[in-house]
């Protein structure tokens, strides 16, 4: 498996608007570079580009969402590190073969869709308490 770069880092927050007030002055940004809502994942995200790495603040849109559960159990803070790979299916298969537990999605299985790519998660218990994402998005819009 070839890791191309750190793709993104996600901070789980209780209140996205309040978190933006904390982080935007630090990041030197007046607003997110790529704000979005993912209804399926039950998240509202403010993504900021730091070079070619995404820095994301994530708020749950539902009390039963994964981000809400994470914050309830562990508090606000770093939840996820995404690694950019050439092929998410190959990366997930390789780590699964090495014994890393992959978190399946009830609807999509081990690989989930996002924009024009796929991603999968390694369980935090296997990687020092951090949710590890393997994503094969190309980010062509950043390549000018």
N, C-alpha and C. Protein backbone atom coordinates (compact mmCIF):
# COMPACT_ATOMS: atom_id res chain seq x y z
N UNK A 1 0.86 -1.17 0.00
CA UNK A 1 0.00 0.00 0.00
C UNK A 1 0.90 1.23 0.00
N UNK A 2 0.64 2.13 -0.91
CA UNK A 2 1.38 3.38 -0.98
C UNK A 2 0.52 4.50 -0.39
N UNK A 3 1.06 5.18 0.59
CA UNK A 3 0.39 6.34 1.16
C UNK A 3 0.95 7.57 0.47
N UNK A 4 0.08 8.34 -0.14
CA UNK A 4 0.51 9.52 -0.88
C UNK A 4 0.74 10.73 0.02
N UNK A 5 -0.10 10.86 1.05
CA UNK A 5 -0.01 12.02 1.94
C UNK A 5 -1.04 11.86 3.04
N UNK A 6 -0.94 12.72 4.03
CA UNK A 6 -2.07 12.87 4.96
C UNK A 6 -3.13 13.62 4.17
N UNK A 7 -4.30 13.05 4.05
CA UNK A 7 -5.37 13.64 3.27
C UNK A 7 -6.10 14.70 4.09
N UNK A 8 -6.50 14.32 5.29
CA UNK A 8 -7.22 15.25 6.14
C UNK A 8 -7.17 14.81 7.59
N UNK A 9 -7.37 15.78 8.47
CA UNK A 9 -7.46 15.55 9.91
C UNK A 9 -8.80 16.11 10.34
N UNK A 10 -9.55 15.33 11.12
CA UNK A 10 -10.89 15.76 11.55
C UNK A 10 -10.94 15.96 13.06
N UNK A 11 -11.50 17.08 13.43
CA UNK A 11 -11.74 17.39 14.83
C UNK A 11 -13.24 17.26 15.08
N UNK A 12 -13.61 16.39 16.01
CA UNK A 12 -15.02 16.22 16.37
C UNK A 12 -15.40 17.33 17.34
N UNK A 13 -16.49 18.04 17.04
CA UNK A 13 -16.92 19.15 17.88
C UNK A 13 -18.41 19.04 18.20
N UNK A 14 -18.80 19.65 19.30
CA UNK A 14 -20.21 19.68 19.67
C UNK A 14 -20.98 20.71 18.85
N UNK A 15 -20.35 21.86 18.61
CA UNK A 15 -21.03 22.98 17.97
C UNK A 15 -20.09 23.55 16.90
N UNK A 16 -20.41 23.30 15.65
CA UNK A 16 -19.55 23.71 14.54
C UNK A 16 -19.37 25.23 14.48
N UNK A 17 -20.44 25.97 14.69
CA UNK A 17 -20.34 27.43 14.61
C UNK A 17 -19.40 27.98 15.69
N UNK A 18 -19.49 27.44 16.89
CA UNK A 18 -18.60 27.87 17.97
C UNK A 18 -17.16 27.44 17.70
N UNK A 19 -16.97 26.24 17.18
CA UNK A 19 -15.63 25.76 16.86
C UNK A 19 -14.98 26.61 15.78
N UNK A 20 -15.76 27.04 14.81
CA UNK A 20 -15.23 27.92 13.76
C UNK A 20 -14.68 29.20 14.36
N UNK A 21 -15.37 29.75 15.36
CA UNK A 21 -14.90 30.98 16.01
C UNK A 21 -13.54 30.78 16.68
N UNK A 22 -13.29 29.57 17.15
CA UNK A 22 -12.01 29.26 17.78
C UNK A 22 -10.91 29.07 16.73
N UNK A 23 -11.21 28.28 15.70
CA UNK A 23 -10.19 27.85 14.76
C UNK A 23 -9.89 28.81 13.61
N UNK A 24 -10.88 29.54 13.12
CA UNK A 24 -10.64 30.40 11.95
C UNK A 24 -9.58 31.47 12.20
N UNK A 25 -9.54 32.12 13.38
CA UNK A 25 -8.45 33.07 13.61
C UNK A 25 -7.06 32.40 13.62
N UNK A 26 -7.00 31.18 14.13
CA UNK A 26 -5.74 30.44 14.15
C UNK A 26 -5.32 30.06 12.74
N UNK A 27 -6.27 29.62 11.93
CA UNK A 27 -5.98 29.17 10.57
C UNK A 27 -5.82 30.33 9.59
N UNK A 28 -6.20 31.53 10.01
CA UNK A 28 -6.13 32.69 9.13
C UNK A 28 -7.17 32.65 8.02
N UNK A 29 -8.32 32.07 8.32
CA UNK A 29 -9.40 31.92 7.34
C UNK A 29 -10.66 32.59 7.86
N UNK A 30 -11.39 33.25 6.97
CA UNK A 30 -12.65 33.90 7.34
C UNK A 30 -13.84 32.96 7.24
N UNK A 31 -13.65 31.86 6.50
CA UNK A 31 -14.71 30.87 6.31
C UNK A 31 -14.08 29.58 5.81
N UNK A 32 -14.83 28.47 5.85
CA UNK A 32 -14.29 27.21 5.34
C UNK A 32 -14.04 27.29 3.83
N UNK A 33 -13.06 26.55 3.37
CA UNK A 33 -12.79 26.44 1.94
C UNK A 33 -13.76 25.48 1.26
N UNK A 34 -14.25 24.51 2.00
CA UNK A 34 -15.13 23.48 1.45
C UNK A 34 -16.12 23.04 2.52
N UNK A 35 -17.16 23.86 2.79
CA UNK A 35 -18.17 23.43 3.76
C UNK A 35 -19.15 22.46 3.10
N UNK A 36 -19.57 21.46 3.84
CA UNK A 36 -20.56 20.54 3.27
C UNK A 36 -21.31 19.81 4.38
N UNK A 37 -22.44 19.27 4.00
CA UNK A 37 -23.24 18.42 4.88
C UNK A 37 -23.33 17.06 4.20
N UNK A 38 -23.09 16.01 4.97
CA UNK A 38 -23.22 14.65 4.46
C UNK A 38 -24.36 13.99 5.24
N UNK A 39 -25.59 14.02 4.67
CA UNK A 39 -26.75 13.47 5.39
C UNK A 39 -26.58 12.00 5.76
N UNK A 40 -25.97 11.24 4.86
CA UNK A 40 -25.81 9.81 5.13
C UNK A 40 -24.90 9.56 6.34
N UNK A 41 -23.84 10.34 6.46
CA UNK A 41 -22.92 10.20 7.60
C UNK A 41 -23.36 11.01 8.82
N UNK A 42 -24.43 11.79 8.64
CA UNK A 42 -24.98 12.61 9.72
C UNK A 42 -23.95 13.61 10.25
N UNK A 43 -23.28 14.30 9.31
CA UNK A 43 -22.28 15.28 9.72
C UNK A 43 -22.41 16.57 8.93
N UNK A 44 -22.00 17.64 9.60
CA UNK A 44 -21.83 18.95 8.98
C UNK A 44 -20.36 19.29 9.15
N UNK A 45 -19.70 19.66 8.06
CA UNK A 45 -18.25 19.80 8.05
C UNK A 45 -17.83 21.17 7.55
N UNK A 46 -16.82 21.71 8.20
CA UNK A 46 -16.12 22.91 7.72
C UNK A 46 -14.70 22.45 7.41
N UNK A 47 -14.37 22.39 6.11
CA UNK A 47 -13.02 21.95 5.70
C UNK A 47 -12.21 23.17 5.28
N UNK A 48 -10.99 23.20 5.78
CA UNK A 48 -10.04 24.26 5.44
C UNK A 48 -8.82 23.60 4.81
N UNK A 49 -8.30 24.21 3.76
CA UNK A 49 -7.10 23.68 3.13
C UNK A 49 -5.87 24.29 3.78
N UNK A 50 -5.01 23.45 4.26
CA UNK A 50 -3.71 23.85 4.78
C UNK A 50 -2.69 23.19 3.85
N UNK A 51 -2.25 23.94 2.85
CA UNK A 51 -1.49 23.33 1.77
C UNK A 51 -2.45 22.41 1.03
N UNK A 52 -2.06 21.16 0.87
CA UNK A 52 -2.95 20.20 0.21
C UNK A 52 -3.53 19.19 1.20
N UNK A 53 -3.57 19.59 2.48
CA UNK A 53 -4.14 18.74 3.53
C UNK A 53 -5.41 19.42 4.04
N UNK A 54 -6.46 18.64 4.17
CA UNK A 54 -7.71 19.17 4.72
C UNK A 54 -7.69 19.15 6.24
N UNK A 55 -8.13 20.23 6.82
CA UNK A 55 -8.33 20.33 8.28
C UNK A 55 -9.82 20.50 8.46
N UNK A 56 -10.47 19.54 9.10
CA UNK A 56 -11.93 19.53 9.16
C UNK A 56 -12.45 19.61 10.58
N UNK A 57 -13.46 20.45 10.73
CA UNK A 57 -14.25 20.48 11.96
C UNK A 57 -15.55 19.76 11.62
N UNK A 58 -15.91 18.76 12.42
CA UNK A 58 -17.11 17.96 12.14
C UNK A 58 -18.06 18.00 13.32
N UNK A 59 -19.31 18.29 13.00
CA UNK A 59 -20.38 18.28 13.99
C UNK A 59 -21.43 17.27 13.55
N UNK A 60 -21.96 16.53 14.49
CA UNK A 60 -23.03 15.59 14.16
C UNK A 60 -24.32 16.34 13.91
N UNK A 61 -25.08 15.87 12.94
CA UNK A 61 -26.40 16.45 12.69
C UNK A 61 -27.51 15.67 13.39
N UNK A 62 -27.11 14.64 14.15
CA UNK A 62 -28.08 13.79 14.83
C UNK A 62 -27.47 13.22 16.11
N UNK A 63 -28.25 13.11 17.17
CA UNK A 63 -27.72 12.54 18.41
C UNK A 63 -27.22 11.10 18.26
N UNK A 64 -27.71 10.38 17.23
CA UNK A 64 -27.26 9.00 17.04
C UNK A 64 -26.15 8.90 15.99
N UNK A 65 -25.62 10.02 15.54
CA UNK A 65 -24.53 10.00 14.56
C UNK A 65 -23.21 9.58 15.19
N UNK A 66 -22.30 9.10 14.37
CA UNK A 66 -21.01 8.62 14.86
C UNK A 66 -20.20 9.72 15.54
N UNK A 67 -20.26 10.94 15.01
CA UNK A 67 -19.52 12.05 15.64
C UNK A 67 -20.11 12.36 17.01
N UNK A 68 -21.43 12.37 17.12
CA UNK A 68 -22.07 12.62 18.43
C UNK A 68 -21.67 11.54 19.43
N UNK A 69 -21.64 10.30 19.00
CA UNK A 69 -21.25 9.20 19.88
C UNK A 69 -19.79 9.34 20.30
N UNK A 70 -18.94 9.74 19.36
CA UNK A 70 -17.51 9.93 19.66
C UNK A 70 -17.34 11.02 20.72
N UNK A 71 -18.01 12.16 20.51
CA UNK A 71 -17.89 13.27 21.44
C UNK A 71 -18.44 12.88 22.81
N UNK A 72 -19.55 12.15 22.84
CA UNK A 72 -20.13 11.71 24.11
C UNK A 72 -19.16 10.81 24.87
N UNK A 73 -18.50 9.92 24.18
CA UNK A 73 -17.60 8.95 24.81
C UNK A 73 -16.23 9.52 25.13
N UNK A 74 -15.68 10.34 24.20
CA UNK A 74 -14.28 10.76 24.32
C UNK A 74 -14.10 12.27 24.47
N UNK A 75 -15.17 13.02 24.22
CA UNK A 75 -15.06 14.47 24.25
C UNK A 75 -14.62 15.01 22.90
N UNK A 76 -14.59 16.33 22.79
CA UNK A 76 -14.17 16.97 21.56
C UNK A 76 -12.68 16.76 21.36
N UNK A 77 -12.27 16.74 20.09
CA UNK A 77 -10.85 16.60 19.79
C UNK A 77 -10.63 15.82 18.52
N UNK A 78 -9.36 15.47 18.30
CA UNK A 78 -9.02 14.74 17.08
C UNK A 78 -9.74 13.39 17.08
N UNK A 79 -10.48 13.17 16.02
CA UNK A 79 -11.24 11.93 15.87
C UNK A 79 -10.65 11.06 14.77
N UNK A 80 -10.19 11.70 13.70
CA UNK A 80 -9.88 10.94 12.49
C UNK A 80 -8.67 11.51 11.78
N UNK A 81 -7.85 10.60 11.27
CA UNK A 81 -6.78 10.97 10.35
C UNK A 81 -7.03 10.19 9.07
N UNK A 82 -7.11 10.92 7.97
CA UNK A 82 -7.32 10.30 6.66
C UNK A 82 -6.01 10.23 5.91
N UNK A 83 -5.70 9.05 5.39
CA UNK A 83 -4.51 8.87 4.57
C UNK A 83 -4.94 8.69 3.12
N UNK A 84 -4.32 9.44 2.23
CA UNK A 84 -4.63 9.35 0.82
C UNK A 84 -3.83 8.21 0.21
N UNK A 85 -4.53 7.31 -0.45
CA UNK A 85 -3.92 6.13 -1.09
C UNK A 85 -4.36 6.09 -2.55
N UNK A 86 -3.63 5.34 -3.37
CA UNK A 86 -3.99 5.21 -4.78
C UNK A 86 -5.30 4.47 -4.96
N UNK A 87 -5.51 3.43 -4.13
CA UNK A 87 -6.70 2.59 -4.26
C UNK A 87 -7.21 2.20 -2.88
N UNK A 88 -8.35 2.75 -2.49
CA UNK A 88 -8.93 2.40 -1.20
C UNK A 88 -9.27 0.90 -1.12
N UNK A 89 -9.84 0.28 -2.17
CA UNK A 89 -10.11 -1.15 -2.07
C UNK A 89 -8.84 -1.97 -1.81
N UNK A 90 -7.75 -1.64 -2.48
CA UNK A 90 -6.50 -2.38 -2.27
C UNK A 90 -5.93 -2.13 -0.88
N UNK A 91 -5.98 -0.88 -0.43
CA UNK A 91 -5.45 -0.54 0.89
C UNK A 91 -6.23 -1.23 2.00
N UNK A 92 -7.56 -1.19 1.90
CA UNK A 92 -8.40 -1.84 2.90
C UNK A 92 -8.14 -3.35 2.90
N UNK A 93 -8.05 -3.95 1.72
CA UNK A 93 -7.80 -5.40 1.63
C UNK A 93 -6.44 -5.75 2.25
N UNK A 94 -5.43 -4.93 1.98
CA UNK A 94 -4.09 -5.20 2.52
C UNK A 94 -4.07 -5.12 4.04
N UNK A 95 -4.68 -4.09 4.59
CA UNK A 95 -4.68 -3.97 6.05
C UNK A 95 -5.55 -5.04 6.70
N UNK A 96 -6.64 -5.39 6.07
CA UNK A 96 -7.49 -6.47 6.58
C UNK A 96 -6.71 -7.78 6.61
N UNK A 97 -5.95 -8.03 5.56
CA UNK A 97 -5.13 -9.25 5.49
C UNK A 97 -4.08 -9.26 6.60
N UNK A 98 -3.62 -8.08 7.00
CA UNK A 98 -2.62 -7.97 8.07
C UNK A 98 -3.26 -8.00 9.46
N UNK A 99 -4.58 -8.15 9.52
CA UNK A 99 -5.26 -8.29 10.79
C UNK A 99 -5.88 -7.03 11.37
N UNK A 100 -5.84 -5.94 10.62
CA UNK A 100 -6.46 -4.71 11.11
C UNK A 100 -7.97 -4.80 10.91
N UNK A 101 -8.75 -4.48 11.94
CA UNK A 101 -10.21 -4.55 11.80
C UNK A 101 -10.75 -3.37 11.01
N UNK A 102 -11.51 -3.67 9.98
CA UNK A 102 -12.15 -2.66 9.14
C UNK A 102 -13.59 -2.48 9.62
N UNK A 103 -14.02 -1.25 9.73
CA UNK A 103 -15.38 -0.97 10.19
C UNK A 103 -16.32 -0.97 8.99
N UNK A 104 -17.22 -1.93 8.92
CA UNK A 104 -18.16 -1.95 7.79
C UNK A 104 -19.29 -0.94 8.00
N UNK A 105 -19.78 -0.45 6.90
CA UNK A 105 -20.95 0.41 6.89
C UNK A 105 -22.15 -0.49 6.61
N UNK A 106 -23.26 -0.34 7.34
CA UNK A 106 -24.42 -1.22 7.13
C UNK A 106 -24.93 -1.23 5.69
N UNK A 107 -24.81 -0.09 5.01
CA UNK A 107 -25.34 -0.01 3.65
C UNK A 107 -24.31 -0.34 2.58
N UNK A 108 -23.07 0.06 2.81
CA UNK A 108 -22.07 -0.04 1.74
C UNK A 108 -20.99 -1.10 1.96
N UNK A 109 -20.91 -1.67 3.13
CA UNK A 109 -19.86 -2.64 3.41
C UNK A 109 -18.57 -1.94 3.83
N UNK A 110 -17.44 -2.50 3.47
CA UNK A 110 -16.15 -1.98 3.93
C UNK A 110 -15.72 -0.70 3.22
N UNK A 111 -16.25 -0.44 2.06
CA UNK A 111 -15.89 0.75 1.30
C UNK A 111 -17.12 1.64 1.13
N UNK A 112 -16.94 2.91 1.42
CA UNK A 112 -18.04 3.86 1.37
C UNK A 112 -17.79 4.87 0.26
N UNK A 113 -18.83 5.39 -0.35
CA UNK A 113 -18.64 6.39 -1.42
C UNK A 113 -18.53 7.81 -0.85
N UNK A 114 -17.70 8.62 -1.51
CA UNK A 114 -17.62 10.06 -1.23
C UNK A 114 -17.19 10.74 -2.52
N UNK A 115 -18.01 11.64 -3.00
CA UNK A 115 -17.74 12.34 -4.24
C UNK A 115 -17.31 11.32 -5.30
N UNK A 116 -16.14 11.45 -5.88
CA UNK A 116 -15.70 10.52 -6.93
C UNK A 116 -14.68 9.51 -6.42
N UNK A 117 -14.88 9.02 -5.20
CA UNK A 117 -13.89 8.09 -4.66
C UNK A 117 -14.54 7.11 -3.69
N UNK A 118 -13.67 6.34 -3.03
CA UNK A 118 -14.11 5.42 -1.99
C UNK A 118 -13.20 5.59 -0.78
N UNK A 119 -13.71 5.20 0.37
CA UNK A 119 -12.90 5.22 1.58
C UNK A 119 -13.35 4.12 2.52
N UNK A 120 -12.45 3.74 3.41
CA UNK A 120 -12.75 2.74 4.43
C UNK A 120 -12.10 3.15 5.74
N UNK A 121 -12.58 2.57 6.84
CA UNK A 121 -12.08 2.91 8.17
C UNK A 121 -11.45 1.71 8.85
N UNK A 122 -10.31 1.97 9.51
CA UNK A 122 -9.70 1.00 10.41
C UNK A 122 -10.17 1.37 11.81
N UNK A 123 -10.58 0.37 12.59
CA UNK A 123 -11.13 0.60 13.93
C UNK A 123 -10.10 1.28 14.84
N UNK A 124 -10.54 2.29 15.61
CA UNK A 124 -9.61 3.01 16.49
C UNK A 124 -8.88 2.12 17.50
N UNK A 125 -9.50 1.03 17.94
CA UNK A 125 -8.85 0.15 18.92
C UNK A 125 -7.55 -0.43 18.38
N UNK A 126 -7.43 -0.52 17.05
CA UNK A 126 -6.24 -1.11 16.45
C UNK A 126 -5.14 -0.09 16.16
N UNK A 127 -5.48 1.20 16.22
CA UNK A 127 -4.52 2.25 15.85
C UNK A 127 -4.50 3.37 16.89
N UNK A 128 -4.21 2.98 18.12
CA UNK A 128 -3.98 3.93 19.21
C UNK A 128 -5.10 4.93 19.44
N UNK A 129 -6.35 4.50 19.25
CA UNK A 129 -7.49 5.32 19.60
C UNK A 129 -7.90 6.36 18.57
N UNK A 130 -7.30 6.31 17.37
CA UNK A 130 -7.64 7.25 16.30
C UNK A 130 -8.37 6.48 15.21
N UNK A 131 -9.45 7.04 14.73
CA UNK A 131 -10.15 6.45 13.59
C UNK A 131 -9.30 6.72 12.36
N UNK A 132 -8.86 5.67 11.67
CA UNK A 132 -8.00 5.82 10.50
C UNK A 132 -8.82 5.61 9.24
N UNK A 133 -8.76 6.60 8.36
CA UNK A 133 -9.48 6.53 7.10
C UNK A 133 -8.49 6.35 5.96
N UNK A 134 -8.81 5.47 5.04
CA UNK A 134 -8.03 5.28 3.82
C UNK A 134 -8.92 5.75 2.68
N UNK A 135 -8.48 6.78 1.96
CA UNK A 135 -9.32 7.41 0.95
C UNK A 135 -8.52 7.59 -0.33
N UNK A 136 -9.18 7.36 -1.47
CA UNK A 136 -8.47 7.46 -2.75
C UNK A 136 -8.93 8.63 -3.61
N UNK A 137 -9.41 9.70 -2.97
CA UNK A 137 -9.83 10.89 -3.71
C UNK A 137 -8.61 11.56 -4.34
N UNK A 138 -8.76 12.03 -5.56
CA UNK A 138 -7.63 12.59 -6.32
C UNK A 138 -7.41 14.07 -6.09
N UNK A 139 -8.43 14.80 -5.60
CA UNK A 139 -8.33 16.23 -5.32
C UNK A 139 -7.82 17.00 -6.52
N UNK A 140 -8.35 16.66 -7.70
CA UNK A 140 -7.92 17.32 -8.94
C UNK A 140 -8.18 18.82 -8.93
N UNK A 141 -9.20 19.26 -8.18
CA UNK A 141 -9.50 20.68 -8.13
C UNK A 141 -8.37 21.48 -7.45
N UNK A 142 -7.50 20.81 -6.70
CA UNK A 142 -6.40 21.50 -6.03
C UNK A 142 -5.12 21.53 -6.88
N UNK A 143 -5.13 20.82 -8.00
CA UNK A 143 -3.90 20.67 -8.77
C UNK A 143 -3.74 21.76 -9.82
N UNK A 144 -4.59 22.80 -9.77
CA UNK A 144 -4.51 23.98 -10.60
C UNK A 144 -4.24 23.71 -12.00
